[in-house]
Amino acid sequence: MLNIEVGKSYICKPIGVTNEVVGYIEHTYTNTAVVLVESYEQCDHFVIDEKQFRVLVKLTDIYAPVEMVS
């Protein structure tokens, strides 16, 4: 499992969403994290919008950090 840090962006698979998203970790709990979605597939727009861009992700479904390029 990754060393997940609050405030960083990761590729992850949220609960109830069809595809992976890129999101910013807002808070971690024992087995899950609250993620603010930054990028997602268009087919998941309704679900993401309904959840106001905040989703719950199992820590085991957080795959890789995203590096921002400037």
N, C-alpha and C. Protein backbone atom coordinates (compact mmCIF):
# COMPACT_ATOMS: atom_id res chain seq x y z
N MET A 1 0.85 -1.18 0.00
CA MET A 1 0.00 0.00 0.00
C MET A 1 0.89 1.24 0.00
N LEU A 2 0.43 2.29 -0.67
CA LEU A 2 1.16 3.55 -0.77
C LEU A 2 1.17 4.30 0.55
N ASN A 3 2.18 5.15 0.71
CA ASN A 3 2.19 6.10 1.82
C ASN A 3 1.38 7.31 1.37
N ILE A 4 0.11 7.34 1.71
CA ILE A 4 -0.82 8.35 1.21
C ILE A 4 -0.75 9.60 2.08
N GLU A 5 -0.60 10.75 1.42
CA GLU A 5 -0.48 12.02 2.13
C GLU A 5 -1.66 12.94 1.81
N VAL A 6 -2.23 13.53 2.85
CA VAL A 6 -3.29 14.52 2.66
C VAL A 6 -2.68 15.71 1.93
N GLY A 7 -3.42 16.23 0.95
CA GLY A 7 -2.96 17.39 0.20
C GLY A 7 -2.30 17.05 -1.11
N LYS A 8 -2.11 15.77 -1.40
CA LYS A 8 -1.52 15.35 -2.67
C LYS A 8 -2.58 14.71 -3.56
N SER A 9 -2.30 14.68 -4.86
CA SER A 9 -3.23 14.10 -5.83
C SER A 9 -2.82 12.68 -6.20
N TYR A 10 -3.82 11.82 -6.39
CA TYR A 10 -3.59 10.41 -6.71
C TYR A 10 -4.58 9.93 -7.76
N ILE A 11 -4.20 8.88 -8.46
CA ILE A 11 -5.12 8.14 -9.33
C ILE A 11 -5.80 7.12 -8.42
N CYS A 12 -7.13 7.07 -8.47
CA CYS A 12 -7.85 6.16 -7.59
C CYS A 12 -9.18 5.74 -8.20
N LYS A 13 -9.80 4.73 -7.58
CA LYS A 13 -11.09 4.19 -8.03
C LYS A 13 -12.09 4.36 -6.89
N PRO A 14 -12.90 5.43 -6.93
CA PRO A 14 -13.86 5.69 -5.86
C PRO A 14 -14.99 4.66 -5.79
N ILE A 15 -15.58 4.55 -4.62
CA ILE A 15 -16.74 3.69 -4.41
C ILE A 15 -17.92 4.27 -5.18
N GLY A 16 -18.58 3.46 -6.00
CA GLY A 16 -19.76 3.88 -6.74
C GLY A 16 -19.50 4.59 -8.05
N VAL A 17 -18.24 4.68 -8.46
CA VAL A 17 -17.88 5.33 -9.73
C VAL A 17 -17.33 4.26 -10.67
N THR A 18 -17.66 4.35 -11.95
CA THR A 18 -17.29 3.32 -12.92
C THR A 18 -15.80 3.30 -13.24
N ASN A 19 -15.21 4.47 -13.45
CA ASN A 19 -13.81 4.55 -13.89
C ASN A 19 -12.93 5.21 -12.84
N GLU A 20 -11.61 5.14 -13.08
CA GLU A 20 -10.65 5.79 -12.20
C GLU A 20 -10.75 7.30 -12.34
N VAL A 21 -10.36 8.01 -11.30
CA VAL A 21 -10.33 9.47 -11.31
C VAL A 21 -8.97 9.94 -10.78
N VAL A 22 -8.68 11.20 -11.00
CA VAL A 22 -7.55 11.85 -10.35
C VAL A 22 -8.16 12.76 -9.31
N GLY A 23 -7.67 12.65 -8.08
CA GLY A 23 -8.24 13.46 -7.02
C GLY A 23 -7.26 13.82 -5.93
N TYR A 24 -7.62 14.85 -5.19
CA TYR A 24 -6.84 15.44 -4.12
C TYR A 24 -7.33 14.85 -2.80
N ILE A 25 -6.43 14.30 -1.99
CA ILE A 25 -6.82 13.70 -0.71
C ILE A 25 -7.14 14.81 0.29
N GLU A 26 -8.38 14.85 0.76
CA GLU A 26 -8.79 15.85 1.74
C GLU A 26 -8.68 15.34 3.17
N HIS A 27 -9.00 14.06 3.37
CA HIS A 27 -8.97 13.50 4.73
C HIS A 27 -8.83 11.99 4.63
N THR A 28 -8.08 11.40 5.55
CA THR A 28 -7.98 9.94 5.59
C THR A 28 -8.60 9.43 6.89
N TYR A 29 -9.16 8.23 6.77
CA TYR A 29 -9.72 7.52 7.91
C TYR A 29 -8.99 6.20 8.01
N THR A 30 -9.47 5.27 8.82
CA THR A 30 -8.78 4.00 9.02
C THR A 30 -8.60 3.22 7.71
N ASN A 31 -9.65 3.07 6.92
CA ASN A 31 -9.58 2.27 5.69
C ASN A 31 -9.98 3.02 4.43
N THR A 32 -10.34 4.29 4.57
CA THR A 32 -10.83 5.07 3.43
C THR A 32 -10.25 6.48 3.44
N ALA A 33 -10.51 7.20 2.34
CA ALA A 33 -10.11 8.60 2.24
C ALA A 33 -11.21 9.38 1.52
N VAL A 34 -11.37 10.64 1.88
CA VAL A 34 -12.26 11.54 1.16
C VAL A 34 -11.40 12.24 0.11
N VAL A 35 -11.84 12.17 -1.14
CA VAL A 35 -11.07 12.70 -2.27
C VAL A 35 -11.90 13.75 -3.00
N LEU A 36 -11.29 14.89 -3.28
CA LEU A 36 -11.90 15.93 -4.11
C LEU A 36 -11.48 15.65 -5.55
N VAL A 37 -12.44 15.32 -6.40
CA VAL A 37 -12.17 14.90 -7.78
C VAL A 37 -11.69 16.09 -8.61
N GLU A 38 -10.54 15.90 -9.29
CA GLU A 38 -9.97 16.92 -10.17
C GLU A 38 -10.17 16.58 -11.64
N SER A 39 -10.14 15.28 -11.95
CA SER A 39 -10.27 14.84 -13.34
C SER A 39 -11.00 13.50 -13.36
N TYR A 40 -11.91 13.33 -14.34
CA TYR A 40 -12.70 12.11 -14.41
C TYR A 40 -13.18 11.88 -15.83
N GLU A 41 -13.67 10.67 -16.10
CA GLU A 41 -14.23 10.33 -17.40
C GLU A 41 -15.63 10.95 -17.51
N GLN A 42 -15.97 11.43 -18.69
CA GLN A 42 -17.25 12.10 -18.91
C GLN A 42 -18.45 11.21 -18.56
N CYS A 43 -18.31 9.90 -18.77
CA CYS A 43 -19.44 9.00 -18.47
C CYS A 43 -19.76 8.95 -16.96
N ASP A 44 -18.85 9.40 -16.10
CA ASP A 44 -19.08 9.42 -14.66
C ASP A 44 -19.56 10.79 -14.16
N HIS A 45 -19.84 11.70 -15.08
CA HIS A 45 -20.19 13.07 -14.69
C HIS A 45 -21.39 13.13 -13.74
N PHE A 46 -22.45 12.40 -14.02
CA PHE A 46 -23.65 12.45 -13.18
C PHE A 46 -23.34 12.05 -11.75
N VAL A 47 -22.61 10.96 -11.57
CA VAL A 47 -22.29 10.46 -10.23
C VAL A 47 -21.38 11.44 -9.50
N ILE A 48 -20.34 11.91 -10.18
CA ILE A 48 -19.39 12.85 -9.57
C ILE A 48 -20.10 14.15 -9.18
N ASP A 49 -20.93 14.66 -10.07
CA ASP A 49 -21.67 15.90 -9.81
C ASP A 49 -22.64 15.72 -8.65
N GLU A 50 -23.31 14.58 -8.61
CA GLU A 50 -24.27 14.29 -7.54
C GLU A 50 -23.58 14.28 -6.17
N LYS A 51 -22.33 13.83 -6.15
CA LYS A 51 -21.56 13.77 -4.89
C LYS A 51 -20.79 15.06 -4.63
N GLN A 52 -21.05 16.09 -5.44
CA GLN A 52 -20.42 17.40 -5.31
C GLN A 52 -18.89 17.31 -5.37
N PHE A 53 -18.41 16.42 -6.23
CA PHE A 53 -16.99 16.23 -6.51
C PHE A 53 -16.19 15.70 -5.33
N ARG A 54 -16.86 15.24 -4.28
CA ARG A 54 -16.18 14.60 -3.15
C ARG A 54 -16.65 13.16 -3.09
N VAL A 55 -15.67 12.24 -3.12
CA VAL A 55 -15.99 10.82 -3.15
C VAL A 55 -15.21 10.09 -2.06
N LEU A 56 -15.69 8.91 -1.71
CA LEU A 56 -15.03 8.06 -0.74
C LEU A 56 -14.27 6.98 -1.50
N VAL A 57 -13.02 6.76 -1.10
CA VAL A 57 -12.16 5.79 -1.78
C VAL A 57 -11.53 4.88 -0.73
N LYS A 58 -11.56 3.56 -0.98
CA LYS A 58 -10.84 2.63 -0.11
C LYS A 58 -9.34 2.90 -0.29
N LEU A 59 -8.58 2.85 0.79
CA LEU A 59 -7.14 3.09 0.69
C LEU A 59 -6.46 2.10 -0.25
N THR A 60 -7.01 0.90 -0.34
CA THR A 60 -6.44 -0.10 -1.25
C THR A 60 -6.74 0.20 -2.71
N ASP A 61 -7.66 1.13 -2.99
CA ASP A 61 -8.00 1.51 -4.36
C ASP A 61 -7.36 2.83 -4.77
N ILE A 62 -6.35 3.27 -4.02
CA ILE A 62 -5.55 4.44 -4.41
C ILE A 62 -4.27 3.87 -5.01
N TYR A 63 -4.05 4.17 -6.31
CA TYR A 63 -3.02 3.47 -7.07
C TYR A 63 -1.68 4.17 -7.19
N ALA A 64 -1.65 5.44 -7.53
CA ALA A 64 -0.37 6.10 -7.79
C ALA A 64 -0.51 7.60 -7.60
N PRO A 65 0.57 8.25 -7.12
CA PRO A 65 0.53 9.71 -7.02
C PRO A 65 0.60 10.34 -8.40
N VAL A 66 0.07 11.54 -8.50
CA VAL A 66 0.09 12.29 -9.76
C VAL A 66 1.08 13.44 -9.60
N GLU A 67 2.04 13.52 -10.51
CA GLU A 67 3.02 14.60 -10.48
C GLU A 67 2.51 15.74 -11.32
N MET A 68 2.49 16.94 -10.77
CA MET A 68 2.10 18.12 -11.52
C MET A 68 3.33 18.68 -12.23
N VAL A 69 3.18 18.98 -13.50
CA VAL A 69 4.28 19.51 -14.30
C VAL A 69 4.03 20.99 -14.55
N SER A 70 5.06 21.79 -14.33
CA SER A 70 4.87 23.23 -14.56
C SER A 70 5.65 23.72 -15.76
